[in-house]
Amino acid sequence: MTIDNRLPADVDSRAAELEEQLTGEAPHRTVSMAAPSLRRGPAAPWQDVIVRRALFVDIAAVMAAVAFGYVLRFDRSIEVDLFEPRGGQYVLISVLLAEAWVLALGLVGSRGPRLLGSGREEYLRVVRATAALFGLTAIVCYLVKFDLARSYVAVTLPIGIALVVGGRWLLASKLHRERARGDFQRRTLVVGARDAVIDLCRRADRTHQAGFQVIGLCLPGGSSIASPVDGVPVLGRIEDAAAAARAHDVDAVAVTASDGATPQALKQLAWDLEPTGAELVVVPALADVASPRLMITPVDGLPVVQVSPPGYTGAQHAIKRIFDVVVATLILLAVSVPMLVLACLVRLTSPGPAMFTQQRIGQNGKPFTLLKLRSMRQDAEAELAEMLDGDVGVFYKPKADPRVTRLGRFLRKYSLDEFPQLLNVIKGDMSLVGPRPQVALEVAQYDAALRRRLFVKPGLTGLWQVSGRNDLSIDQSKRLDLYYVENWSLLGDIGIILRTTREVLFPSGSY
């Protein structure tokens, strides 16, 4: 990536040339000897909308939390009236705390338009701001020797965090739905080598949550390329990135891997973009690695990204095992009676046992016996080869399987046939969350990358199950499974379990 050390005035000139090429008309030019303005361009209107939404949610959540804390602290049993000194003090404290809380959430940047809807980092900033505010409050109360009621804090703090995070989650869900419809997108110019640019464009098209709408490309020798790439127009050469950003009013310029992407070139591009208001997004040549595994360390002014290795053993896995046993036991106790009823219905509606067992491959290639409520005819296994006609892939599951019984279709639609696998989780063969357990015939077809699925225990549910299930392509299913293996976390497991509950109640892609 070669970017000349041009003055911003040259950027204006190149933008005017691009405008002339597009419109066929020469724009009005005014020669000025004044110093270039460093004022950033105005924010996109949709950014103001989502920031106002977040502010409203924060105010409502914080006010509800402090009001709830006040009511619980000064209820009738304590007999403190609103206008008595003690009660009146806490009215003032509640008002000041609510104002400071909303201000703190803004100071840490949790309402930044680029952060809203991003997930983990947004929630972490909410928690950090809240913890810092209450810590500072405790210090001030200690210094002025004011005995702040511990019960008031004990109620207000957790309820406030829960309400703010919950509200932000609802806002993020709404934003993701709107972005899936094409709204609230960042107009993005992608710059770099052809293959890297195509890969980023396809990823942005598959995932709308980040809100990157690619409107053009800048490629090496781009000015000589007449046809679009993957349907996206080529707006110029790599050297024209800043001018193209200004001419086409983009919100972001994403720079991918390129031979010329030197630190000096990227710095110059960032300088050239300052007057436009567009943000610079640098895309490293590193895919499917979650942010908790990344750490940026400055080396003489150069940001170096360190990638920690994925953890397949250790204390986190011990905690995961305890979590699996406790939660699986509680769920099993809750569904034991419905599971017995379903087992009886299986026996009554088709000949054969209620339980279906099958050998599957578990962690490190160790086979285990999988338990399920039978959803097929008794002789279904013998008919598999004939039905598939030898065409058995790594992820095979026919949409219209004639072996499935009428009751079995209902069980599969709502994943009720998988209740017995809670016993597999308690036994230790499986985890609540993990890749789908597969048979030996499928595992035998794994390549070197796909064999990494065996580094963790297979799961009762997983990332691909809550992302489209069997409606996903084979490549998407593989990528999601490998992403989970490389980046799993206990917090992520809890999120997948919550999303699984929604999938069970409102199923999609299950058959």
Protein backbone atom coordinates (compact mmCIF):
# COMPACT_ATOMS: atom_id res chain seq x y z
CA MET A 1 0.00 0.00 0.00
CA THR A 2 1.71 3.17 -1.19
CA ILE A 3 0.30 6.49 -0.09
CA ASP A 4 2.19 9.65 -0.94
CA ASN A 5 2.80 12.29 1.68
CA ARG A 6 0.37 14.67 0.04
CA LEU A 7 -1.19 17.70 1.63
CA PRO A 8 -4.92 17.51 2.40
CA ALA A 9 -5.41 20.03 -0.40
CA ASP A 10 -4.28 17.31 -2.82
CA VAL A 11 -6.94 15.06 -1.36
CA ASP A 12 -9.53 17.72 -2.16
CA SER A 13 -8.19 17.88 -5.70
CA ARG A 14 -8.39 14.11 -6.19
CA ALA A 15 -11.92 14.06 -4.72
CA ALA A 16 -12.92 16.73 -7.22
CA GLU A 17 -11.44 14.66 -10.06
CA LEU A 18 -13.42 11.60 -8.95
CA GLU A 19 -16.59 13.71 -8.73
CA GLU A 20 -15.96 14.98 -12.26
CA GLN A 21 -15.48 11.41 -13.55
CA LEU A 22 -18.75 10.29 -11.96
CA THR A 23 -20.97 13.24 -12.92
CA GLY A 24 -19.35 14.34 -16.15
CA GLU A 25 -19.35 17.92 -14.89
CA ALA A 26 -16.47 19.97 -13.59
CA PRO A 27 -17.15 21.01 -10.00
CA HIS A 28 -16.70 24.58 -8.89
CA ARG A 29 -13.17 25.00 -7.54
CA THR A 30 -12.02 27.72 -5.19
CA VAL A 31 -8.32 28.21 -4.69
CA SER A 32 -7.47 28.95 -1.08
CA MET A 33 -4.16 29.45 0.69
CA ALA A 34 -5.70 28.94 4.15
CA ALA A 35 -4.51 26.13 6.36
CA PRO A 36 -6.54 22.92 5.99
CA SER A 37 -9.37 22.47 8.48
CA LEU A 38 -9.03 19.65 10.97
CA ARG A 39 -12.72 19.76 11.91
CA ARG A 40 -14.22 16.32 11.52
CA GLY A 41 -17.33 15.91 9.40
CA PRO A 42 -20.76 15.55 10.98
CA ALA A 43 -21.84 12.19 12.34
CA ALA A 44 -24.27 10.11 10.29
CA PRO A 45 -27.91 10.71 11.36
CA TRP A 46 -28.38 7.08 12.42
CA GLN A 47 -25.56 7.47 14.95
CA ASP A 48 -27.48 10.18 16.77
CA VAL A 49 -30.56 7.94 16.81
CA ILE A 50 -28.89 4.97 18.49
CA VAL A 51 -27.02 7.21 20.96
CA ARG A 52 -30.31 8.84 22.02
CA ARG A 53 -31.85 5.40 22.43
CA ALA A 54 -29.02 4.29 24.70
CA LEU A 55 -29.23 7.50 26.74
CA PHE A 56 -32.97 7.02 27.25
CA VAL A 57 -32.49 3.39 28.33
CA ASP A 58 -29.69 4.35 30.73
CA ILE A 59 -31.79 7.09 32.36
CA ALA A 60 -34.82 4.82 32.72
CA ALA A 61 -32.80 1.89 34.10
CA VAL A 62 -30.82 3.99 36.58
CA MET A 63 -33.90 5.84 37.84
CA ALA A 64 -35.72 2.54 38.33
CA ALA A 65 -32.73 1.07 40.21
CA VAL A 66 -32.30 3.98 42.66
CA ALA A 67 -36.08 4.20 43.20
CA PHE A 68 -36.25 0.49 43.91
CA GLY A 69 -33.32 0.74 46.32
CA TYR A 70 -34.96 3.65 48.14
CA VAL A 71 -38.31 1.91 48.47
CA LEU A 72 -36.78 -1.30 49.79
CA ARG A 73 -34.51 0.57 52.21
CA PHE A 74 -37.19 2.87 53.61
CA ASP A 75 -40.26 0.70 53.70
CA ARG A 76 -43.02 0.90 56.29
CA SER A 77 -41.23 -1.30 58.81
CA ILE A 78 -38.52 1.31 59.26
CA GLU A 79 -41.06 4.11 59.53
CA VAL A 80 -38.99 6.79 57.84
CA ASP A 81 -41.12 9.39 56.09
CA LEU A 82 -40.08 10.99 52.84
CA PHE A 83 -39.87 14.41 54.46
CA GLU A 84 -38.02 13.33 57.58
CA PRO A 85 -34.28 14.11 57.65
CA ARG A 86 -33.17 10.54 57.09
CA GLY A 87 -35.61 9.90 54.26
CA GLY A 88 -35.04 13.31 52.68
CA GLN A 89 -31.28 12.75 52.64
CA TYR A 90 -31.69 9.58 50.61
CA VAL A 91 -34.01 11.29 48.15
CA LEU A 92 -31.20 13.75 47.45
CA ILE A 93 -28.62 10.94 47.38
CA SER A 94 -30.76 8.96 44.93
CA VAL A 95 -31.12 11.93 42.59
CA LEU A 96 -27.38 12.71 42.66
CA LEU A 97 -26.48 9.04 42.26
CA ALA A 98 -28.75 8.66 39.23
CA GLU A 99 -27.25 11.73 37.56
CA ALA A 100 -23.68 10.64 38.30
CA TRP A 101 -24.44 7.11 37.10
CA VAL A 102 -25.73 8.26 33.72
CA LEU A 103 -22.75 10.62 33.40
CA ALA A 104 -20.28 7.82 34.27
CA LEU A 105 -21.76 5.55 31.60
CA GLY A 106 -21.13 8.30 29.09
CA LEU A 107 -17.61 9.12 30.28
CA VAL A 108 -16.38 5.54 29.71
CA GLY A 109 -17.72 5.66 26.15
CA SER A 110 -20.37 2.99 26.62
CA ARG A 111 -22.78 5.02 24.48
CA GLY A 112 -20.36 5.50 21.60
CA PRO A 113 -22.08 4.79 18.25
CA ARG A 114 -19.26 2.47 17.20
CA LEU A 115 -19.58 0.47 20.42
CA LEU A 116 -23.38 0.17 20.67
CA GLY A 117 -24.52 -3.27 19.60
CA SER A 118 -21.02 -4.75 19.74
CA GLY A 119 -21.83 -7.00 22.71
CA ARG A 120 -19.17 -7.98 25.24
CA GLU A 121 -17.12 -4.77 25.28
CA GLU A 122 -20.23 -2.61 25.63
CA TYR A 123 -21.43 -4.59 28.66
CA LEU A 124 -17.97 -4.59 30.23
CA ARG A 125 -17.82 -0.80 30.04
CA VAL A 126 -21.23 -0.57 31.73
CA VAL A 127 -19.98 -2.77 34.58
CA ARG A 128 -16.69 -0.88 34.88
CA ALA A 129 -18.41 2.51 35.00
CA THR A 130 -20.85 1.28 37.64
CA ALA A 131 -18.15 -0.32 39.77
CA ALA A 132 -15.99 2.83 39.57
CA LEU A 133 -18.89 5.07 40.54
CA PHE A 134 -19.89 3.02 43.57
CA GLY A 135 -16.26 2.66 44.61
CA LEU A 136 -15.79 6.42 44.43
CA THR A 137 -19.04 6.89 46.37
CA ALA A 138 -17.80 4.59 49.11
CA ILE A 139 -14.52 6.52 49.37
CA VAL A 140 -16.31 9.88 49.57
CA CYS A 141 -18.70 8.60 52.24
CA TYR A 142 -15.77 7.30 54.26
CA LEU A 143 -13.89 10.61 54.01
CA VAL A 144 -16.88 12.73 55.08
CA LYS A 145 -17.88 10.11 57.67
CA PHE A 146 -21.33 9.54 56.24
CA ASP A 147 -22.82 6.13 57.03
CA LEU A 148 -24.36 5.16 53.67
CA ALA A 149 -26.90 2.37 54.21
CA ARG A 150 -25.38 -0.88 53.02
CA SER A 151 -28.81 -2.33 52.24
CA TYR A 152 -29.46 0.61 49.91
CA VAL A 153 -26.24 -0.10 47.99
CA ALA A 154 -26.79 -3.87 48.08
CA VAL A 155 -30.12 -3.43 46.28
CA THR A 156 -29.36 -0.51 43.97
CA LEU A 157 -26.02 -1.77 42.58
CA PRO A 158 -27.00 -5.24 41.23
CA ILE A 159 -30.45 -4.13 40.09
CA GLY A 160 -28.94 -1.15 38.27
CA ILE A 161 -26.35 -3.28 36.46
CA ALA A 162 -29.00 -5.83 35.50
CA LEU A 163 -31.39 -3.18 34.19
CA VAL A 164 -28.76 -1.24 32.22
CA VAL A 165 -27.19 -4.37 30.70
CA GLY A 166 -30.62 -5.83 29.97
CA GLY A 167 -31.74 -2.61 28.33
CA ARG A 168 -28.58 -2.46 26.24
CA TRP A 169 -29.13 -6.07 25.17
CA LEU A 170 -32.65 -5.25 24.01
CA LEU A 171 -31.32 -2.23 22.12
CA ALA A 172 -28.60 -4.38 20.50
CA SER A 173 -31.17 -6.96 19.42
CA LYS A 174 -33.29 -4.22 17.86
CA LEU A 175 -30.25 -2.70 16.15
CA HIS A 176 -29.21 -6.08 14.73
CA ARG A 177 -32.69 -6.64 13.30
CA GLU A 178 -32.64 -3.17 11.74
CA ARG A 179 -29.21 -3.74 10.26
CA ALA A 180 -30.36 -7.07 8.82
CA ARG A 181 -32.98 -5.03 6.94
CA GLY A 182 -30.27 -2.71 5.64
CA ASP A 183 -30.78 0.18 8.07
CA PHE A 184 -28.20 1.90 10.31
CA GLN A 185 -25.27 0.78 8.15
CA ARG A 186 -21.84 2.37 7.99
CA ARG A 187 -21.00 3.22 4.38
CA THR A 188 -17.64 1.50 4.05
CA LEU A 189 -14.82 1.72 1.54
CA VAL A 190 -12.59 -1.38 1.51
CA VAL A 191 -8.93 -0.95 0.57
CA GLY A 192 -6.28 -3.59 -0.05
CA ALA A 193 -5.23 -6.62 -2.05
CA ARG A 194 -7.94 -8.21 -4.18
CA ASP A 195 -8.27 -11.56 -2.36
CA ALA A 196 -8.32 -9.98 1.11
CA VAL A 197 -10.86 -7.40 -0.03
CA ILE A 198 -13.18 -10.07 -1.47
CA ASP A 199 -12.99 -12.10 1.75
CA LEU A 200 -13.91 -9.09 3.89
CA CYS A 201 -16.79 -8.12 1.57
CA ARG A 202 -18.27 -11.61 1.79
CA ARG A 203 -17.96 -11.68 5.58
CA ALA A 204 -19.61 -8.27 5.86
CA ASP A 205 -22.43 -9.48 3.62
CA ARG A 206 -22.97 -12.60 5.78
CA THR A 207 -22.94 -10.70 9.08
CA HIS A 208 -24.93 -7.47 9.20
CA GLN A 209 -24.60 -6.98 12.96
CA ALA A 210 -21.39 -4.98 12.67
CA GLY A 211 -23.13 -2.61 10.26
CA PHE A 212 -20.48 -2.40 7.53
CA GLN A 213 -22.12 -1.74 4.15
CA VAL A 214 -19.43 -1.97 1.48
CA ILE A 215 -20.12 0.68 -1.16
CA GLY A 216 -16.82 0.54 -3.05
CA LEU A 217 -13.29 -0.81 -3.32
CA CYS A 218 -9.83 0.59 -3.86
CA LEU A 219 -7.48 -2.00 -5.36
CA PRO A 220 -3.93 -2.02 -6.73
CA GLY A 221 -4.21 -0.57 -10.22
CA GLY A 222 -7.90 -0.01 -9.54
CA SER A 223 -8.24 2.84 -12.03
CA SER A 224 -7.68 0.39 -14.89
CA ILE A 225 -10.34 -2.06 -13.66
CA ALA A 226 -13.66 -1.44 -15.39
CA SER A 227 -15.87 -4.19 -13.97
CA PRO A 228 -17.04 -4.50 -10.33
CA VAL A 229 -15.58 -7.15 -8.04
CA ASP A 230 -18.21 -9.45 -6.54
CA GLY A 231 -20.81 -6.87 -7.52
CA VAL A 232 -19.02 -4.02 -5.67
CA PRO A 233 -17.76 -1.09 -7.80
CA VAL A 234 -14.07 -0.28 -7.90
CA LEU A 235 -13.63 3.41 -7.09
CA GLY A 236 -9.95 3.77 -7.76
CA ARG A 237 -6.47 2.78 -6.77
CA ILE A 238 -5.22 2.23 -3.25
CA GLU A 239 -3.58 5.66 -3.38
CA ASP A 240 -7.03 7.19 -3.98
CA ALA A 241 -8.59 5.86 -0.75
CA ALA A 242 -8.85 9.17 1.09
CA ALA A 243 -10.11 11.02 -1.98
CA ALA A 244 -12.69 8.31 -2.72
CA ALA A 245 -13.84 8.41 0.91
CA ARG A 246 -14.47 12.12 0.63
CA ALA A 247 -16.12 11.95 -2.78
CA HIS A 248 -18.52 9.18 -1.74
CA ASP A 249 -19.24 10.36 1.82
CA VAL A 250 -18.22 7.12 3.53
CA ASP A 251 -18.36 6.49 7.27
CA ALA A 252 -15.43 4.05 7.43
CA VAL A 253 -12.39 3.00 5.41
CA ALA A 254 -11.38 -0.62 6.05
CA VAL A 255 -7.79 -1.46 5.13
CA THR A 256 -7.08 -5.17 4.58
CA ALA A 257 -3.83 -7.04 4.06
CA SER A 258 -1.65 -5.47 1.38
CA ASP A 259 2.04 -5.40 0.55
CA GLY A 260 2.10 -1.64 0.92
CA ALA A 261 0.20 -1.41 4.23
CA THR A 262 3.20 0.02 6.06
CA PRO A 263 2.90 1.93 9.36
CA GLN A 264 3.81 5.15 7.57
CA ALA A 265 1.20 4.60 4.86
CA LEU A 266 -1.56 3.87 7.38
CA LYS A 267 -0.60 6.92 9.43
CA GLN A 268 -0.80 9.12 6.34
CA LEU A 269 -4.19 7.64 5.43
CA ALA A 270 -5.46 8.34 8.95
CA TRP A 271 -4.30 11.97 8.61
CA ASP A 272 -5.99 12.31 5.22
CA LEU A 273 -9.26 10.95 6.63
CA GLU A 274 -9.39 13.36 9.59
CA PRO A 275 -11.25 16.16 7.74
CA THR A 276 -13.80 13.69 6.32
CA GLY A 277 -15.00 12.29 9.66
CA ALA A 278 -14.56 8.73 8.35
CA GLU A 279 -13.03 6.22 10.75
CA LEU A 280 -10.05 4.08 9.81
CA VAL A 281 -10.58 0.34 10.35
CA VAL A 282 -7.49 -1.88 10.07
CA VAL A 283 -8.31 -5.54 9.36
CA PRO A 284 -5.49 -7.89 10.43
CA ALA A 285 -4.82 -11.06 8.46
CA LEU A 286 -6.25 -13.10 11.34
CA ALA A 287 -9.69 -14.69 11.20
CA ASP A 288 -12.08 -16.28 13.71
CA VAL A 289 -10.23 -15.21 16.87
CA ALA A 290 -12.38 -13.62 19.58
CA SER A 291 -11.36 -10.39 21.29
CA PRO A 292 -10.63 -11.94 24.74
CA ARG A 293 -7.68 -13.77 23.16
CA LEU A 294 -6.26 -10.57 21.68
CA MET A 295 -4.07 -8.06 23.49
CA ILE A 296 -2.52 -4.97 21.90
CA THR A 297 0.97 -4.09 23.09
CA PRO A 298 2.73 -0.92 21.83
CA VAL A 299 6.27 -1.46 20.57
CA ASP A 300 7.95 1.88 19.92
CA GLY A 301 4.63 3.38 18.83
CA LEU A 302 3.64 0.33 16.74
CA PRO A 303 0.55 -1.55 18.03
CA VAL A 304 1.38 -5.25 18.13
CA VAL A 305 -1.50 -7.73 18.43
CA GLN A 306 -0.71 -10.67 20.70
CA VAL A 307 -2.87 -13.79 20.37
CA SER A 308 -3.11 -16.03 23.41
CA PRO A 309 -3.44 -19.79 22.72
CA PRO A 310 -6.87 -21.38 23.16
CA GLY A 311 -7.36 -23.15 26.48
CA TYR A 312 -8.47 -26.78 26.31
CA THR A 313 -7.62 -27.69 29.90
CA GLY A 314 -7.14 -25.96 33.23
CA ALA A 315 -9.21 -24.15 35.81
CA GLN A 316 -11.73 -22.78 33.31
CA HIS A 317 -12.60 -26.28 32.16
CA ALA A 318 -12.98 -27.41 35.77
CA ILE A 319 -15.45 -24.57 36.29
CA LYS A 320 -17.21 -25.54 33.04
CA ARG A 321 -17.55 -29.12 34.31
CA ILE A 322 -19.07 -27.96 37.63
CA PHE A 323 -21.43 -25.67 35.73
CA ASP A 324 -22.45 -28.55 33.43
CA VAL A 325 -23.25 -30.92 36.29
CA VAL A 326 -25.19 -28.40 38.36
CA VAL A 327 -27.26 -26.95 35.50
CA ALA A 328 -27.87 -30.32 33.81
CA THR A 329 -29.08 -31.80 37.10
CA LEU A 330 -31.48 -28.90 37.70
CA ILE A 331 -32.86 -29.12 34.15
CA LEU A 332 -33.20 -32.90 34.41
CA LEU A 333 -35.21 -32.57 37.62
CA ALA A 334 -37.47 -30.02 35.92
CA VAL A 335 -38.10 -32.12 32.78
CA SER A 336 -38.08 -35.63 34.27
CA VAL A 337 -41.88 -35.95 34.36
CA PRO A 338 -42.44 -34.55 30.82
CA MET A 339 -39.64 -36.84 29.57
CA LEU A 340 -41.37 -39.91 31.06
CA VAL A 341 -44.64 -38.87 29.42
CA LEU A 342 -42.92 -38.45 26.06
CA ALA A 343 -41.23 -41.84 26.46
CA CYS A 344 -44.64 -43.46 27.00
CA LEU A 345 -46.00 -41.71 23.90
CA VAL A 346 -43.08 -43.00 21.84
CA ARG A 347 -43.88 -46.58 22.93
CA LEU A 348 -47.58 -46.14 22.23
CA THR A 349 -47.27 -44.56 18.78
CA SER A 350 -44.66 -46.87 17.20
CA PRO A 351 -43.28 -50.35 17.96
CA GLY A 352 -39.90 -50.52 19.64
CA PRO A 353 -38.11 -49.08 22.67
CA ALA A 354 -38.64 -45.50 23.80
CA MET A 355 -34.90 -44.82 24.04
CA PHE A 356 -32.55 -44.70 21.07
CA THR A 357 -28.83 -45.30 21.63
CA GLN A 358 -26.00 -44.73 19.18
CA GLN A 359 -22.22 -44.70 19.27
CA ARG A 360 -20.84 -41.19 18.82
CA ILE A 361 -17.29 -39.83 18.93
CA GLY A 362 -16.47 -37.61 21.90
CA GLN A 363 -13.52 -35.59 23.17
CA ASN A 364 -10.12 -36.73 21.86
CA GLY A 365 -11.81 -39.29 19.63
CA LYS A 366 -13.20 -41.39 22.49
CA PRO A 367 -16.49 -43.13 21.58
CA PHE A 368 -19.50 -42.97 23.89
CA THR A 369 -23.15 -44.03 23.84
CA LEU A 370 -25.51 -41.18 23.03
CA LEU A 371 -29.03 -41.27 24.51
CA LYS A 372 -32.12 -39.88 22.74
CA LEU A 373 -35.84 -40.39 22.71
CA ARG A 374 -36.54 -42.46 19.59
CA SER A 375 -37.93 -40.28 16.80
CA MET A 376 -37.62 -42.83 13.95
CA ARG A 377 -38.89 -46.26 13.13
CA GLN A 378 -37.22 -49.11 14.98
CA ASP A 379 -35.29 -50.33 11.89
CA ALA A 380 -34.21 -46.87 10.78
CA GLU A 381 -30.46 -47.50 11.13
CA ALA A 382 -30.60 -50.38 8.65
CA GLU A 383 -32.32 -48.11 6.09
CA LEU A 384 -29.78 -45.27 6.32
CA ALA A 385 -27.35 -46.49 3.65
CA GLU A 386 -30.19 -47.22 1.21
CA MET A 387 -31.80 -43.82 1.77
CA LEU A 388 -28.58 -41.82 1.34
CA ASP A 389 -27.38 -44.00 -1.55
CA GLY A 390 -23.82 -43.84 -0.22
CA ASP A 391 -23.77 -40.03 -0.16
CA VAL A 392 -22.79 -39.44 3.48
CA GLY A 393 -21.01 -36.17 4.16
CA VAL A 394 -19.55 -34.71 7.33
CA PHE A 395 -22.82 -32.94 8.15
CA TYR A 396 -25.63 -35.04 6.72
CA LYS A 397 -29.24 -34.71 7.75
CA PRO A 398 -31.97 -34.98 5.09
CA LYS A 399 -34.80 -32.48 5.39
CA ALA A 400 -37.57 -34.95 4.52
CA ASP A 401 -36.45 -38.19 6.19
CA PRO A 402 -39.17 -40.84 5.63
CA ARG A 403 -37.92 -42.83 8.62
CA VAL A 404 -39.06 -40.14 11.11
CA THR A 405 -42.38 -40.89 12.81
CA ARG A 406 -45.19 -38.36 13.15
CA LEU A 407 -44.44 -37.94 16.86
CA GLY A 408 -40.73 -37.86 16.02
CA ARG A 409 -41.20 -34.77 13.82
CA PHE A 410 -42.75 -32.98 16.77
CA LEU A 411 -39.97 -34.11 19.11
CA ARG A 412 -37.28 -32.96 16.68
CA LYS A 413 -38.91 -29.63 15.93
CA TYR A 414 -38.75 -28.61 19.60
CA SER A 415 -35.58 -30.64 20.40
CA LEU A 416 -37.52 -32.70 22.96
CA ASP A 417 -35.84 -35.92 21.78
CA GLU A 418 -32.53 -34.65 23.21
CA PHE A 419 -33.66 -34.47 26.86
CA PRO A 420 -31.97 -37.81 27.75
CA GLN A 421 -28.60 -36.34 26.73
CA LEU A 422 -28.66 -34.50 30.04
CA LEU A 423 -27.61 -37.87 31.47
CA ASN A 424 -24.65 -37.88 29.06
CA VAL A 425 -23.71 -34.42 30.37
CA ILE A 426 -23.89 -35.51 34.02
CA LYS A 427 -21.87 -38.64 33.24
CA GLY A 428 -19.16 -36.54 31.59
CA ASP A 429 -19.39 -37.75 27.98
CA MET A 430 -20.83 -34.41 26.85
CA SER A 431 -21.07 -30.78 27.86
CA LEU A 432 -24.11 -28.52 27.84
CA VAL A 433 -22.47 -26.47 25.09
CA GLY A 434 -20.13 -27.73 22.40
CA PRO A 435 -19.93 -29.00 18.82
CA ARG A 436 -22.51 -31.53 17.66
CA PRO A 437 -21.46 -35.13 18.50
CA GLN A 438 -20.98 -37.10 15.28
CA VAL A 439 -20.75 -40.75 14.29
CA ALA A 440 -17.51 -42.48 13.33
CA LEU A 441 -18.41 -42.37 9.61
CA GLU A 442 -18.49 -38.57 9.73
CA VAL A 443 -15.38 -38.22 11.89
CA ALA A 444 -13.43 -40.41 9.45
CA GLN A 445 -13.92 -37.67 6.82
CA TYR A 446 -12.47 -34.86 8.97
CA ASP A 447 -9.56 -32.89 7.58
CA ALA A 448 -6.79 -31.53 9.82
CA ALA A 449 -8.75 -28.37 10.67
CA LEU A 450 -12.03 -30.12 11.41
CA ARG A 451 -10.36 -32.60 13.76
CA ARG A 452 -9.98 -29.68 16.17
CA ARG A 453 -13.67 -30.23 16.98
CA LEU A 454 -12.50 -33.20 19.03
CA PHE A 455 -10.42 -31.01 21.36
CA VAL A 456 -13.53 -30.26 23.44
CA LYS A 457 -16.49 -32.31 24.59
CA PRO A 458 -19.47 -32.42 22.24
CA GLY A 459 -22.45 -30.41 23.40
CA LEU A 460 -26.16 -30.74 23.93
CA THR A 461 -26.40 -27.38 22.17
CA GLY A 462 -23.85 -25.24 20.40
CA LEU A 463 -23.09 -22.16 18.38
CA TRP A 464 -24.37 -23.54 15.09
CA GLN A 465 -27.62 -24.74 16.70
CA VAL A 466 -28.51 -21.16 17.66
CA SER A 467 -27.32 -19.68 14.36
CA GLY A 468 -29.61 -21.44 11.89
CA ARG A 469 -29.07 -25.13 12.67
CA ASN A 470 -29.55 -27.39 9.65
CA ASP A 471 -30.39 -24.48 7.35
CA LEU A 472 -26.72 -23.45 7.44
CA SER A 473 -24.34 -24.50 4.70
CA ILE A 474 -21.68 -27.09 5.48
CA ASP A 475 -18.94 -24.44 5.41
CA GLN A 476 -20.87 -22.21 7.82
CA SER A 477 -21.45 -25.11 10.22
CA LYS A 478 -17.76 -26.01 10.17
CA ARG A 479 -16.69 -22.41 10.74
CA LEU A 480 -19.05 -21.91 13.69
CA ASP A 481 -17.96 -25.15 15.36
CA LEU A 482 -14.27 -24.30 14.97
CA TYR A 483 -14.89 -20.74 16.18
CA TYR A 484 -16.46 -22.12 19.34
CA VAL A 485 -13.59 -24.55 19.94
CA GLU A 486 -11.01 -21.78 19.58
CA ASN A 487 -12.82 -19.08 21.57
CA TRP A 488 -15.18 -20.69 24.10
CA SER A 489 -15.83 -19.05 27.45
CA LEU A 490 -18.21 -19.71 30.32
CA LEU A 491 -19.99 -16.40 29.69
CA GLY A 492 -20.35 -17.35 26.04
CA ASP A 493 -21.79 -20.74 27.06
CA ILE A 494 -24.42 -19.02 29.18
CA GLY A 495 -25.34 -16.81 26.23
CA ILE A 496 -25.71 -19.84 23.95
CA ILE A 497 -27.91 -21.61 26.52
CA LEU A 498 -30.18 -18.55 26.71
CA ARG A 499 -30.38 -18.39 22.93
CA THR A 500 -31.13 -22.12 22.85
CA THR A 501 -34.18 -21.53 25.03
CA ARG A 502 -35.48 -19.13 22.40
CA GLU A 503 -34.74 -21.64 19.61
CA VAL A 504 -36.64 -24.38 21.45
CA LEU A 505 -39.69 -22.13 21.90
CA PHE A 506 -39.50 -20.66 18.39
CA PRO A 507 -37.66 -23.32 16.35
CA SER A 508 -36.02 -22.72 12.99
CA GLY A 509 -33.89 -25.05 10.89
CA SER A 510 -34.81 -28.17 12.90
CA TYR A 511 -35.96 -31.35 11.23
